[in-house]
Structure formats: C-alpha cells, structure tokens
Amino acid sequence: MENEITVNGETYIRKTHETADSDYVIVRTESAGVHAGYLVSRNGSEAELSNARRIWKWSGAASLSQLAGAGTSDPGGCKFPAAIDKITVLGVIEVIPCTETAKNLIMGVDSWVQ
C-alpha cells in the first residue's frame, strides 16, 4: 500500500487526516453498542476507531443516521463517556459517515460520568 512504510521490519500505516468529514463515523455493532470516532481501519465486521466515544444514550436525533447527519439538538440529554485513544470493535453491522457539524456536536457533548 502507498500509505505504509516498513522500518527495521516494523510496518507503519500513515495516520489519516482527522478533519475530513468521511473519516469521522458512527459505528453500530451487534452487541458492543454504538461508537463514534475516526475510522482507522476496517476488516470485515471488525473496525478500529481512534478518539472514540461510546454513544451510550442519545437525544435530539431520531436515529443514528440523523445523529450522523445533523448531530444532536439536545446535547444535555446525551450520555457519551469521554473519548478513548483507540478501540477495536467486533460485530460491526453499520458504519455511518458523519458531517463536520455532527462530528463537532458529538465531540462537544460533555463527558458523562457516573
């Protein structure tokens, strides 16, 4: 691949630019819930996200598709824990690209803690 380089036998993949609309996605899984973050890689039903937040509960959008397109109109009603550096999720059944607006609104929701 043109985005890979090998140094001393170790292969590195070029990090994607994290401001492109299509790189920030919402991923729905069979049993691991819903996550939003930058899509690092996808292999079948496995996806790796960076700067990822679990979408525990959302409000202000009728569906995940609306959340990915318009964001939330009710950030105070959302429960999104703090972002983590990296997560690999299995059982991916849906990957929805987010608009820049939706990304900013999702990232702007206060971190939910209990």
C-alpha atoms as a PDB file:
ATOM      1  CA  MET A   1       0.000   0.000   0.000  1.00  0.00           C
ATOM      2  CA  GLU A   2       1.138   3.531  -0.643  1.00  0.00           C
ATOM      3  CA  ASN A   3       0.262   4.617   2.923  1.00  0.00           C
ATOM      4  CA  GLU A   4       2.588   2.072   4.533  1.00  0.00           C
ATOM      5  CA  ILE A   5       6.282   2.156   5.323  1.00  0.00           C
ATOM      6  CA  THR A   6       8.479  -0.528   6.847  1.00  0.00           C
ATOM      7  CA  VAL A   7      11.320   0.465   9.169  1.00  0.00           C
ATOM      8  CA  ASN A   8      13.528  -2.186  10.788  1.00  0.00           C
ATOM      9  CA  GLY A   9      10.969  -4.869   9.957  1.00  0.00           C
ATOM     10  CA  GLU A  10       8.078  -2.929  11.550  1.00  0.00           C
ATOM     11  CA  THR A  11       5.241  -1.756   9.247  1.00  0.00           C
ATOM     12  CA  TYR A  12       3.663   1.619   9.924  1.00  0.00           C
ATOM     13  CA  ILE A  13       0.457   2.952   8.397  1.00  0.00           C
ATOM     14  CA  ARG A  14       0.146   6.650   7.655  1.00  0.00           C
ATOM     15  CA  LYS A  15      -2.321   8.326  10.011  1.00  0.00           C
ATOM     16  CA  THR A  16      -5.320   9.798   8.235  1.00  0.00           C
ATOM     17  CA  HIS A  17      -6.030  13.492   8.494  1.00  0.00           C
ATOM     18  CA  GLU A  18      -8.618  13.689  11.289  1.00  0.00           C
ATOM     19  CA  THR A  19     -10.581  16.610   9.924  1.00  0.00           C
ATOM     20  CA  ALA A  20     -12.057  15.013   6.816  1.00  0.00           C
ATOM     21  CA  ASP A  21     -15.828  14.553   7.130  1.00  0.00           C
ATOM     22  CA  SER A  22     -15.834  10.970   5.913  1.00  0.00           C
ATOM     23  CA  ASP A  23     -13.195   9.824   8.411  1.00  0.00           C
ATOM     24  CA  TYR A  24     -15.352  10.527  11.479  1.00  0.00           C
ATOM     25  CA  VAL A  25     -18.033   7.844  11.713  1.00  0.00           C
ATOM     26  CA  ILE A  26     -20.693   6.294  13.905  1.00  0.00           C
ATOM     27  CA  VAL A  27     -20.308   2.523  14.164  1.00  0.00           C
ATOM     28  CA  ARG A  28     -23.143   0.275  15.314  1.00  0.00           C
ATOM     29  CA  THR A  29     -22.276  -3.243  16.420  1.00  0.00           C
ATOM     30  CA  GLU A  30     -24.248  -6.406  17.091  1.00  0.00           C
ATOM     31  CA  SER A  31     -23.538  -6.468  20.832  1.00  0.00           C
ATOM     32  CA  ALA A  32     -20.907  -3.847  21.720  1.00  0.00           C
ATOM     33  CA  GLY A  33     -23.173  -0.848  21.289  1.00  0.00           C
ATOM     34  CA  VAL A  34     -22.619   2.303  19.279  1.00  0.00           C
ATOM     35  CA  HIS A  35     -19.357   4.246  18.992  1.00  0.00           C
ATOM     36  CA  ALA A  36     -18.303   7.460  17.271  1.00  0.00           C
ATOM     37  CA  GLY A  37     -14.735   8.202  16.258  1.00  0.00           C
ATOM     38  CA  TYR A  38     -12.173   8.349  13.482  1.00  0.00           C
ATOM     39  CA  LEU A  39     -12.178   5.182  11.384  1.00  0.00           C
ATOM     40  CA  VAL A  40      -8.606   3.907  11.403  1.00  0.00           C
ATOM     41  CA  SER A  41      -9.258   0.570   9.719  1.00  0.00           C
ATOM     42  CA  ARG A  42     -11.957  -1.914   8.893  1.00  0.00           C
ATOM     43  CA  ASN A  43     -11.645  -5.596   8.135  1.00  0.00           C
ATOM     44  CA  GLY A  44     -14.966  -7.344   7.616  1.00  0.00           C
ATOM     45  CA  SER A  45     -17.011  -6.925  10.790  1.00  0.00           C
ATOM     46  CA  GLU A  46     -14.060  -5.545  12.784  1.00  0.00           C
ATOM     47  CA  ALA A  47     -13.296  -1.834  12.963  1.00  0.00           C
ATOM     48  CA  GLU A  48     -10.659   0.195  14.756  1.00  0.00           C
ATOM     49  CA  LEU A  49     -11.536   3.724  15.853  1.00  0.00           C
ATOM     50  CA  SER A  50      -9.376   6.430  17.355  1.00  0.00           C
ATOM     51  CA  ASN A  51     -10.539   9.281  19.587  1.00  0.00           C
ATOM     52  CA  ALA A  52     -13.690   7.226  20.101  1.00  0.00           C
ATOM     53  CA  ARG A  53     -16.706   7.834  22.307  1.00  0.00           C
ATOM     54  CA  ARG A  54     -19.326   5.265  23.220  1.00  0.00           C
ATOM     55  CA  ILE A  55     -22.790   6.555  22.340  1.00  0.00           C
ATOM     56  CA  TRP A  56     -24.488   5.256  25.482  1.00  0.00           C
ATOM     57  CA  LYS A  57     -27.667   7.311  25.046  1.00  0.00           C
ATOM     58  CA  TRP A  58     -28.508   9.986  22.531  1.00  0.00           C
ATOM     59  CA  SER A  59     -31.189  12.630  22.452  1.00  0.00           C
ATOM     60  CA  GLY A  60     -32.055  15.318  19.945  1.00  0.00           C
ATOM     61  CA  ALA A  61     -31.898  12.990  16.925  1.00  0.00           C
ATOM     62  CA  ALA A  62     -34.490  10.449  15.837  1.00  0.00           C
ATOM     63  CA  SER A  63     -31.937   7.885  14.623  1.00  0.00           C
ATOM     64  CA  LEU A  64     -28.226   7.239  14.294  1.00  0.00           C
ATOM     65  CA  SER A  65     -28.495   8.373  10.686  1.00  0.00           C
ATOM     66  CA  GLN A  66     -29.876  11.729  11.815  1.00  0.00           C
ATOM     67  CA  LEU A  67     -27.226  11.947  14.547  1.00  0.00           C
ATOM     68  CA  ALA A  68     -24.528  11.384  11.890  1.00  0.00           C
ATOM     69  CA  GLY A  69     -26.051  13.945   9.553  1.00  0.00           C
ATOM     70  CA  ALA A  70     -27.245  16.760  11.782  1.00  0.00           C
ATOM     71  CA  GLY A  71     -25.799  15.953  15.189  1.00  0.00           C
ATOM     72  CA  THR A  72     -27.794  16.349  18.363  1.00  0.00           C
ATOM     73  CA  SER A  73     -30.145  19.221  19.116  1.00  0.00           C
ATOM     74  CA  ASP A  74     -30.155  18.186  22.802  1.00  0.00           C
ATOM     75  CA  PRO A  75     -26.549  17.672  23.975  1.00  0.00           C
ATOM     76  CA  GLY A  76     -27.638  17.835  27.617  1.00  0.00           C
ATOM     77  CA  GLY A  77     -29.821  14.764  27.114  1.00  0.00           C
ATOM     78  CA  CYS A  78     -26.949  12.684  25.706  1.00  0.00           C
ATOM     79  CA  LYS A  79     -24.767  10.269  27.657  1.00  0.00           C
ATOM     80  CA  PHE A  80     -21.407   9.977  25.905  1.00  0.00           C
ATOM     81  CA  PRO A  81     -18.448   8.993  28.121  1.00  0.00           C
ATOM     82  CA  ALA A  82     -15.060  10.632  27.495  1.00  0.00           C
ATOM     83  CA  ALA A  83     -13.199   9.694  24.338  1.00  0.00           C
ATOM     84  CA  ILE A  84     -10.564   6.977  24.473  1.00  0.00           C
ATOM     85  CA  ASP A  85      -7.452   6.869  22.308  1.00  0.00           C
ATOM     86  CA  LYS A  86      -8.277   3.647  20.474  1.00  0.00           C
ATOM     87  CA  ILE A  87     -10.854   0.860  20.397  1.00  0.00           C
ATOM     88  CA  THR A  88     -11.349  -2.201  18.243  1.00  0.00           C
ATOM     89  CA  VAL A  89     -14.987  -3.219  17.941  1.00  0.00           C
ATOM     90  CA  LEU A  90     -16.255  -6.536  16.620  1.00  0.00           C
ATOM     91  CA  GLY A  91     -19.587  -7.377  15.079  1.00  0.00           C
ATOM     92  CA  VAL A  92     -19.839  -4.150  13.079  1.00  0.00           C
ATOM     93  CA  ILE A  93     -23.138  -4.003  11.237  1.00  0.00           C
ATOM     94  CA  GLU A  94     -23.271  -0.331  10.271  1.00  0.00           C
ATOM     95  CA  VAL A  95     -20.737   2.426   9.570  1.00  0.00           C
ATOM     96  CA  ILE A  96     -22.235   5.884   9.055  1.00  0.00           C
ATOM     97  CA  PRO A  97     -20.015   8.794   7.966  1.00  0.00           C
ATOM     98  CA  CYS A  98     -20.615  11.983   9.962  1.00  0.00           C
ATOM     99  CA  THR A  99     -20.823  15.504   8.673  1.00  0.00           C
ATOM    100  CA  GLU A 100     -18.462  18.091  10.103  1.00  0.00           C
ATOM    101  CA  THR A 101     -21.406  19.605  12.013  1.00  0.00           C
ATOM    102  CA  ALA A 102     -22.384  16.264  13.535  1.00  0.00           C
ATOM    103  CA  LYS A 103     -18.761  15.497  14.443  1.00  0.00           C
ATOM    104  CA  ASN A 104     -18.381  18.815  16.244  1.00  0.00           C
ATOM    105  CA  LEU A 105     -21.671  18.373  18.121  1.00  0.00           C
ATOM    106  CA  ILE A 106     -20.837  14.796  19.162  1.00  0.00           C
ATOM    107  CA  MET A 107     -17.355  15.790  20.275  1.00  0.00           C
ATOM    108  CA  GLY A 108     -18.820  18.790  22.114  1.00  0.00           C
ATOM    109  CA  VAL A 109     -21.173  16.801  24.350  1.00  0.00           C
ATOM    110  CA  ASP A 110     -19.965  16.948  27.948  1.00  0.00           C
ATOM    111  CA  SER A 111     -18.418  13.672  29.118  1.00  0.00           C
ATOM    112  CA  TRP A 112     -20.878  11.560  31.040  1.00  0.00           C
ATOM    113  CA  VAL A 113     -19.560  10.060  34.265  1.00  0.00           C
ATOM    114  CA  GLN A 114     -21.305   8.132  36.981  1.00  0.00           C
END
